[in-house]
Amino acid sequence: MTTAIEQIVDTYVQLRNRQKLEDLRMHRQRLAIHLEARMGYDLSLPLRQVEDEIAAIEAGLKRLAEDTQAA
């Protein structure tokens, strides 16, 4: 079963929209920084989810780069 972020990334890859993927990654990176800065709460689960989303986005950027080189 694919996650929502994987579906979004797949769509951006199909549309060859590198800028949207980079914007999405930057947003998730900022979110991770804010989660890490919170004190007094156990945010390990949401932080892990955001990190997984960043990994999915980076995989999409890699696929996009490979598709561009192959074309």
Protein backbone atom coordinates (compact mmCIF):
# COMPACT_ATOMS: atom_id res chain seq x y z
CA MET A 1 0.00 0.00 0.00
CA THR A 2 1.43 3.35 -0.96
CA THR A 3 1.32 6.31 1.34
CA ALA A 4 -0.14 9.68 0.44
CA ILE A 5 3.32 11.23 0.13
CA GLU A 6 4.42 8.46 -2.25
CA GLN A 7 1.40 9.15 -4.46
CA ILE A 8 2.13 12.87 -4.44
CA VAL A 9 5.79 12.26 -5.27
CA ASP A 10 4.86 9.85 -8.07
CA THR A 11 2.55 12.46 -9.57
CA TYR A 12 5.23 15.17 -9.48
CA VAL A 13 7.74 12.76 -11.03
CA GLN A 14 5.29 11.92 -13.83
CA LEU A 15 4.73 15.63 -14.41
CA ARG A 16 8.50 16.20 -14.24
CA ASN A 17 7.92 18.97 -11.71
CA ARG A 18 11.27 19.14 -9.93
CA GLN A 19 10.51 22.51 -8.31
CA LYS A 20 7.42 21.17 -6.51
CA LEU A 21 9.40 18.19 -5.24
CA GLU A 22 12.13 20.47 -3.94
CA ASP A 23 9.53 22.73 -2.31
CA LEU A 24 7.90 19.70 -0.69
CA ARG A 25 11.26 18.48 0.62
CA MET A 26 12.13 21.92 2.00
CA HIS A 27 8.79 22.12 3.80
CA ARG A 28 9.32 18.71 5.40
CA GLN A 29 12.89 19.63 6.39
CA ARG A 30 11.64 22.78 8.13
CA LEU A 31 8.96 20.74 9.87
CA ALA A 32 11.59 18.27 11.10
CA ILE A 33 13.68 21.13 12.50
CA HIS A 34 10.67 22.50 14.38
CA LEU A 35 9.80 19.07 15.77
CA GLU A 36 13.38 18.52 16.94
CA ALA A 37 13.36 21.90 18.71
CA ARG A 38 10.31 21.10 20.85
CA MET A 39 11.17 20.38 24.45
CA GLY A 40 9.20 18.32 26.91
CA TYR A 41 7.34 16.18 24.40
CA ASP A 42 8.08 12.82 22.83
CA LEU A 43 7.83 13.65 19.14
CA SER A 44 9.88 10.70 17.94
CA LEU A 45 6.96 9.13 16.03
CA PRO A 46 5.97 12.23 14.02
CA LEU A 47 9.64 13.05 13.48
CA ARG A 48 10.26 9.56 12.10
CA GLN A 49 7.26 9.98 9.79
CA VAL A 50 8.59 13.30 8.48
CA GLU A 51 12.02 11.75 7.94
CA ASP A 52 10.40 8.89 6.00
CA GLU A 53 8.55 11.43 3.87
CA ILE A 54 11.81 13.27 3.16
CA ALA A 55 13.36 9.98 2.08
CA ALA A 56 10.42 9.32 -0.28
CA ILE A 57 10.76 12.80 -1.77
CA GLU A 58 14.50 12.37 -2.26
CA ALA A 59 13.88 9.02 -3.98
CA GLY A 60 11.46 10.82 -6.31
CA LEU A 61 14.04 13.49 -7.07
CA LYS A 62 16.55 10.75 -7.87
CA ARG A 63 14.06 9.01 -10.20
CA LEU A 64 13.36 12.32 -11.90
CA ALA A 65 17.08 12.94 -12.41
CA GLU A 66 17.56 9.44 -13.84
CA ASP A 67 14.59 9.89 -16.19
CA THR A 68 15.98 13.21 -17.37
CA GLN A 69 19.40 11.70 -18.10
CA ALA A 70 17.87 8.75 -19.96
CA ALA A 71 15.79 11.01 -22.20
